[in-house]
Amino acid sequence: MVQLAESRAGGQADGTGIFTGGRMDAAVPGHLPVMPAEVMDVLAPRPGDTAVDGTTGLGGHSLLLGPALGGGGRLVCFDRDAQALALARFRLAQLPCRTNFVNMPFEFMDRELRRLGVAGADRILLDLGVSSLQLDSPERGFSFMRDGPLDMRMSRDGGPTARDIVNAWPEERLRLLFSELGEERFSRRLAKCIVEGRAGRPIETTGELSELALRAAPRLGRAHPATRMFQALRMYVNDELGCISRGLAAAGRVLPPGGRLAVLTFHSLEDRLVKRIFKRWLEMGLVEMVLSGATVPSRDEIRGNPRARSAKLRAVERLN
């Protein structure tokens, strides 16, 4: 489902079914954009630019991009999560730039920009982290810290859920999933415990799955034994690595010479994939690196926003 909407400064969002009037406050509890100053520094948006926020979430980075684009600029906000995009639309209602909202994964940005009549994007940001809205909503099933149904879909329009996987997949397939997408050293124990645990009745909630993880694997340091297992399930349910590969290809097609692309990753599989693709573009002479390596959050930021601790920022500029 595609939702295309446009707003100007002072405009109001409609059709969301969430708010009836007024303007949502810009401060959403629990939501802080990661490395905001560093992102703005590497993107260096200019007045009149067209920018794409490929993973808008609750709009934290877009709140910074919009004023830099000015009245002559344009911001296109993508997100596959309709609920997050509806909330972002309220937060961004007062931006001076022309703003579009597209309820689609960022891998379709080239197609959707053509639909909007936009020739290209001078600045593109992909923040690959799970949004605070998803993590903090028990009914979405993303977090083992809050009991809720085992869903984990970023888009609620269909497709398998985490519940489908843990209750239907054979033990060896679960082991491979946790090992490959979760890089989980106790993948065999976890898979075995799940198969045994579901023998009596289906595993329905995040709490039930979390308890099985505590039985199967030891707690190492502060990390919960379910952390990497939940990561693997979420990544598979949403085809996250495939979306990143296709999304970077789409970004390459819409980025003009001099255009910049910045990507925030939050775990090693994402970061290795982005690094590998950027390196290939560099060897082909298509881009130059804006950063010599990856930028990480400061200690002060991590203290104020613990969810930023694993973030890495990489950026390139298109040459030709």
Protein backbone atom coordinates (compact mmCIF):
# COMPACT_ATOMS: atom_id res chain seq x y z
CA MET A 1 0.00 0.00 0.00
CA VAL A 2 1.35 3.42 -0.98
CA GLN A 3 0.27 6.55 0.81
CA LEU A 4 1.36 9.74 -0.89
CA ALA A 5 0.72 12.97 0.94
CA GLU A 6 2.19 16.42 0.75
CA SER A 7 2.37 19.24 3.25
CA ARG A 8 3.64 22.80 3.50
CA ALA A 9 4.52 24.87 6.51
CA GLY A 10 1.49 25.16 8.72
CA GLY A 11 -0.31 22.32 6.92
CA GLN A 12 -2.21 19.65 8.81
CA ALA A 13 -2.12 15.92 8.21
CA ASP A 14 -5.38 14.14 7.47
CA GLY A 15 -6.65 10.62 7.18
CA THR A 16 -4.43 9.13 9.85
CA GLY A 17 -7.18 8.28 12.30
CA ILE A 18 -4.82 9.04 15.20
CA PHE A 19 -5.18 12.75 15.95
CA THR A 20 -8.12 15.02 15.26
CA GLY A 21 -6.52 18.41 15.47
CA GLY A 22 -3.69 20.58 16.66
CA ARG A 23 -0.03 19.79 16.28
CA MET A 24 1.78 16.88 17.86
CA ASP A 25 4.59 18.07 20.10
CA ALA A 26 8.03 17.67 18.58
CA ALA A 27 9.36 15.85 21.63
CA VAL A 28 8.31 12.20 21.60
CA PRO A 29 9.31 10.42 24.83
CA GLY A 30 11.97 7.79 24.20
CA HIS A 31 12.76 9.01 20.71
CA LEU A 32 16.16 10.56 20.04
CA PRO A 33 17.80 10.66 16.60
CA VAL A 34 21.21 8.98 16.58
CA MET A 35 24.32 11.10 15.90
CA PRO A 36 22.24 14.07 14.70
CA ALA A 37 25.16 16.51 14.41
CA GLU A 38 27.37 13.98 12.66
CA VAL A 39 24.62 13.08 10.19
CA MET A 40 24.00 16.72 9.31
CA ASP A 41 27.72 17.31 8.96
CA VAL A 42 28.28 14.51 6.43
CA LEU A 43 25.09 15.17 4.47
CA ALA A 44 25.66 18.94 4.41
CA PRO A 45 22.18 19.71 3.01
CA ARG A 46 21.88 22.99 1.08
CA PRO A 47 18.92 25.33 0.57
CA GLY A 48 16.91 24.12 -2.42
CA ASP A 49 18.15 20.52 -2.25
CA THR A 50 15.92 17.50 -2.54
CA ALA A 51 16.51 15.10 0.34
CA VAL A 52 15.23 11.60 1.08
CA ASP A 53 14.83 10.24 4.59
CA GLY A 54 14.54 6.58 3.71
CA THR A 55 13.67 5.42 7.21
CA THR A 56 11.75 8.33 8.70
CA GLY A 57 10.57 6.63 11.88
CA LEU A 58 9.28 9.40 14.12
CA GLY A 59 11.08 12.05 12.08
CA GLY A 60 13.98 12.96 14.34
CA HIS A 61 16.51 13.41 11.53
CA SER A 62 13.91 14.95 9.21
CA LEU A 63 13.30 17.69 11.77
CA LEU A 64 16.92 18.71 11.20
CA LEU A 65 17.00 18.22 7.44
CA GLY A 66 13.86 20.22 6.67
CA PRO A 67 15.01 23.65 7.91
CA ALA A 68 18.35 23.24 6.13
CA LEU A 69 16.53 22.65 2.82
CA GLY A 70 14.53 25.85 3.21
CA GLY A 71 11.39 26.95 1.40
CA GLY A 72 12.80 26.00 -1.99
CA GLY A 73 13.78 22.50 -0.92
CA ARG A 74 11.97 19.21 -0.87
CA LEU A 75 12.00 16.35 1.64
CA VAL A 76 10.62 12.92 0.76
CA CYS A 77 9.99 10.76 3.83
CA PHE A 78 9.78 6.98 3.39
CA ASP A 79 8.79 4.39 5.98
CA ARG A 80 7.26 0.94 5.68
CA ASP A 81 5.55 1.42 9.07
CA ALA A 82 2.30 3.31 8.47
CA GLN A 83 1.84 4.12 12.17
CA ALA A 84 5.29 5.70 12.46
CA LEU A 85 4.80 7.68 9.26
CA ALA A 86 1.46 9.06 10.46
CA LEU A 87 3.09 10.30 13.66
CA ALA A 88 6.07 11.71 11.75
CA ARG A 89 3.71 13.64 9.52
CA PHE A 90 2.40 15.55 12.52
CA ARG A 91 5.88 16.20 13.88
CA LEU A 92 7.06 17.57 10.54
CA ALA A 93 4.00 19.68 9.73
CA GLN A 94 5.80 22.98 10.32
CA LEU A 95 8.86 22.37 8.14
CA PRO A 96 9.52 25.15 5.62
CA CYS A 97 10.27 22.77 2.74
CA ARG A 98 7.88 20.89 0.51
CA THR A 99 7.35 17.49 2.14
CA ASN A 100 6.06 14.16 0.83
CA PHE A 101 5.31 11.03 2.83
CA VAL A 102 5.53 7.58 1.24
CA ASN A 103 4.42 4.44 3.08
CA MET A 104 6.86 2.13 1.33
CA PRO A 105 10.28 0.58 2.07
CA PHE A 106 13.18 2.73 0.90
CA GLU A 107 14.17 0.09 -1.67
CA PHE A 108 11.44 1.55 -3.89
CA MET A 109 12.70 5.15 -3.68
CA ASP A 110 13.62 5.42 -7.37
CA ARG A 111 10.17 4.28 -8.49
CA GLU A 112 8.34 6.46 -5.97
CA LEU A 113 10.41 9.54 -6.75
CA ARG A 114 9.49 9.12 -10.43
CA ARG A 115 5.84 8.86 -9.39
CA LEU A 116 6.22 12.18 -7.58
CA GLY A 117 7.93 13.75 -10.59
CA VAL A 118 11.21 14.13 -8.69
CA ALA A 119 14.29 13.69 -10.90
CA GLY A 120 16.75 12.74 -8.16
CA ALA A 121 17.81 13.17 -4.55
CA ASP A 122 20.76 15.37 -3.57
CA ARG A 123 20.91 14.00 -0.03
CA ILE A 124 19.81 10.55 1.18
CA LEU A 125 19.77 9.22 4.73
CA LEU A 126 19.15 5.59 5.68
CA ASP A 127 18.89 5.00 9.43
CA LEU A 128 18.69 1.22 9.73
CA GLY A 129 17.80 1.07 13.42
CA VAL A 130 14.45 -0.16 14.74
CA SER A 131 12.38 2.86 15.74
CA SER A 132 11.52 3.67 19.34
CA LEU A 133 7.85 3.40 18.44
CA GLN A 134 8.31 -0.23 17.41
CA LEU A 135 10.53 -1.18 20.34
CA ASP A 136 8.28 0.48 22.90
CA SER A 137 4.99 -0.94 21.58
CA PRO A 138 4.41 -4.40 23.13
CA GLU A 139 1.75 -5.24 20.54
CA ARG A 140 4.38 -5.06 17.78
CA GLY A 141 6.43 -7.88 19.35
CA PHE A 142 9.89 -6.44 18.69
CA SER A 143 11.25 -6.43 22.22
CA PHE A 144 11.75 -9.19 24.77
CA MET A 145 11.60 -6.50 27.46
CA ARG A 146 7.83 -6.09 26.99
CA ASP A 147 5.46 -9.02 26.69
CA GLY A 148 3.33 -9.01 23.57
CA PRO A 149 2.35 -11.10 20.55
CA LEU A 150 5.22 -12.54 18.49
CA ASP A 151 4.82 -10.35 15.41
CA MET A 152 7.93 -8.28 14.52
CA ARG A 153 6.62 -7.09 11.13
CA MET A 154 7.53 -3.48 10.35
CA SER A 155 4.65 -3.43 7.89
CA ARG A 156 1.42 -5.04 9.11
CA ASP A 157 0.11 -5.76 5.59
CA GLY A 158 0.98 -9.45 5.50
CA GLY A 159 3.83 -11.92 5.41
CA PRO A 160 5.07 -14.37 8.03
CA THR A 161 5.37 -13.31 11.64
CA ALA A 162 7.95 -14.38 14.19
CA ARG A 163 5.26 -16.61 15.69
CA ASP A 164 4.91 -18.46 12.38
CA ILE A 165 8.65 -19.11 12.28
CA VAL A 166 9.24 -20.30 15.84
CA ASN A 167 6.25 -22.64 15.73
CA ALA A 168 6.71 -24.13 12.25
CA TRP A 169 10.38 -24.26 11.34
CA PRO A 170 12.37 -27.43 12.02
CA GLU A 171 15.15 -27.31 14.58
CA GLU A 172 18.05 -27.19 12.11
CA ARG A 173 16.53 -24.32 10.16
CA LEU A 174 16.04 -22.34 13.38
CA ARG A 175 19.64 -23.05 14.34
CA LEU A 176 20.90 -21.72 11.01
CA LEU A 177 18.72 -18.62 11.31
CA PHE A 178 20.03 -17.75 14.78
CA SER A 179 23.61 -18.52 13.76
CA GLU A 180 23.63 -16.61 10.47
CA LEU A 181 21.42 -13.59 11.13
CA GLY A 182 21.93 -13.41 14.89
CA GLU A 183 25.57 -14.54 15.00
CA GLU A 184 24.42 -16.44 18.09
CA ARG A 185 27.00 -18.81 19.60
CA PHE A 186 24.29 -20.78 21.41
CA SER A 187 22.08 -21.18 18.35
CA ARG A 188 21.87 -24.97 18.70
CA ARG A 189 20.71 -24.79 22.32
CA LEU A 190 18.14 -22.10 21.51
CA ALA A 191 16.70 -24.00 18.55
CA LYS A 192 16.43 -27.22 20.57
CA CYS A 193 14.73 -25.45 23.49
CA ILE A 194 12.19 -23.81 21.16
CA VAL A 195 11.26 -27.11 19.51
CA GLU A 196 10.86 -28.74 22.91
CA GLY A 197 8.94 -25.77 24.30
CA ARG A 198 6.40 -25.69 21.48
CA ALA A 199 5.67 -29.42 21.74
CA GLY A 200 2.87 -28.91 24.26
CA ARG A 201 1.37 -25.77 22.78
CA PRO A 202 2.40 -22.97 20.39
CA ILE A 203 4.73 -20.20 21.54
CA GLU A 204 2.55 -17.09 21.37
CA THR A 205 4.31 -14.16 23.06
CA THR A 206 7.66 -12.43 23.34
CA GLY A 207 7.68 -13.23 27.04
CA GLU A 208 7.32 -16.97 26.42
CA LEU A 209 10.13 -16.93 23.86
CA SER A 210 12.32 -14.86 26.17
CA GLU A 211 11.82 -17.37 28.99
CA LEU A 212 12.88 -20.21 26.70
CA ALA A 213 16.05 -18.27 25.84
CA LEU A 214 16.86 -17.85 29.54
CA ARG A 215 16.55 -21.61 29.99
CA ALA A 216 18.66 -22.46 26.96
CA ALA A 217 21.58 -20.02 27.06
CA PRO A 218 23.64 -18.37 29.80
CA ARG A 219 23.56 -14.65 30.40
CA LEU A 220 26.87 -13.20 29.27
CA GLY A 221 27.51 -9.82 30.85
CA ARG A 222 24.54 -7.48 30.61
CA ALA A 223 23.20 -8.95 27.36
CA HIS A 224 19.99 -10.93 27.61
CA PRO A 225 20.23 -14.42 26.04
CA ALA A 226 17.30 -13.55 23.75
CA THR A 227 18.96 -10.48 22.21
CA ARG A 228 20.55 -12.05 19.13
CA MET A 229 17.68 -14.50 18.63
CA PHE A 230 15.18 -11.64 18.47
CA GLN A 231 17.50 -9.79 16.09
CA ALA A 232 17.63 -12.79 13.76
CA LEU A 233 13.86 -13.25 13.75
CA ARG A 234 13.22 -9.55 13.10
CA MET A 235 15.76 -9.45 10.28
CA TYR A 236 14.26 -12.48 8.58
CA VAL A 237 10.64 -11.40 8.99
CA ASN A 238 11.42 -8.02 7.37
CA ASP A 239 14.08 -9.24 4.88
CA GLU A 240 16.31 -6.50 6.23
CA LEU A 241 19.57 -7.41 4.47
CA GLY A 242 17.78 -7.82 1.15
CA CYS A 243 16.08 -4.47 1.63
CA ILE A 244 19.43 -2.80 2.37
CA SER A 245 21.04 -4.24 -0.78
CA ARG A 246 18.13 -3.23 -2.98
CA GLY A 247 17.78 0.12 -1.23
CA LEU A 248 21.43 1.06 -1.75
CA ALA A 249 21.09 0.14 -5.43
CA ALA A 250 18.01 2.37 -5.67
CA ALA A 251 19.86 5.20 -3.90
CA GLY A 252 22.71 4.87 -6.40
CA ARG A 253 20.24 5.29 -9.26
CA VAL A 254 18.73 8.54 -7.93
CA LEU A 255 21.88 10.19 -6.52
CA PRO A 256 23.29 12.81 -8.93
CA PRO A 257 26.97 13.81 -9.18
CA GLY A 258 27.79 15.68 -5.98
CA GLY A 259 24.94 13.98 -4.14
CA ARG A 260 25.59 12.38 -0.76
CA LEU A 261 24.34 9.19 0.86
CA ALA A 262 24.69 8.53 4.61
CA VAL A 263 23.85 5.22 6.31
CA LEU A 264 23.49 4.48 10.01
CA THR A 265 23.92 0.80 10.90
CA PHE A 266 23.38 -0.89 14.25
CA HIS A 267 24.95 -4.33 14.03
CA SER A 268 27.82 -6.03 12.26
CA LEU A 269 25.86 -7.74 9.48
CA GLU A 270 24.35 -4.44 8.35
CA ASP A 271 27.64 -2.61 8.62
CA ARG A 272 29.62 -5.23 6.69
CA LEU A 273 27.06 -5.18 3.89
CA VAL A 274 27.08 -1.37 3.60
CA LYS A 275 30.89 -1.27 3.81
CA ARG A 276 31.19 -3.90 1.07
CA ILE A 277 28.83 -2.07 -1.30
CA PHE A 278 30.50 1.30 -0.69
CA LYS A 279 33.89 -0.30 -1.36
CA ARG A 280 32.66 -1.73 -4.66
CA TRP A 281 31.33 1.68 -5.72
CA LEU A 282 34.66 3.23 -4.75
CA GLU A 283 36.60 0.71 -6.86
CA MET A 284 34.28 1.40 -9.81
CA GLY A 285 35.04 5.13 -9.53
CA LEU A 286 31.42 5.99 -8.80
CA VAL A 287 31.90 7.57 -5.37
CA GLU A 288 34.39 8.98 -2.95
CA MET A 289 34.22 8.43 0.79
CA VAL A 290 33.00 11.38 2.83
CA LEU A 291 34.37 9.63 5.92
CA SER A 292 37.60 7.63 5.93
CA GLY A 293 35.90 4.92 7.99
CA ALA A 294 32.90 4.67 10.27
CA THR A 295 31.96 7.36 12.79
CA VAL A 296 30.59 6.15 16.13
CA PRO A 297 28.61 7.98 18.84
CA SER A 298 30.36 9.92 21.55
CA ARG A 299 30.36 8.66 25.12
CA ASP A 300 28.11 11.55 26.09
CA GLU A 301 25.54 10.56 23.47
CA ILE A 302 25.59 6.92 24.56
CA ARG A 303 25.02 7.99 28.17
CA GLY A 304 22.00 10.02 27.10
CA ASN A 305 20.74 7.53 24.51
CA PRO A 306 21.90 3.95 25.21
CA ARG A 307 20.24 2.71 22.01
CA ALA A 308 22.92 4.57 20.05
CA ARG A 309 25.78 2.52 21.49
CA SER A 310 26.18 0.14 18.52
CA ALA A 311 25.62 2.72 15.78
CA LYS A 312 28.08 3.35 12.95
CA LEU A 313 27.80 6.11 10.36
CA ARG A 314 29.22 5.78 6.84
CA ALA A 315 28.82 8.22 3.95
CA VAL A 316 29.75 8.59 0.28
CA GLU A 317 29.52 11.31 -2.36
CA ARG A 318 28.60 10.48 -5.96
CA LEU A 319 31.28 11.39 -8.51
CA ASN A 320 29.67 10.58 -11.86
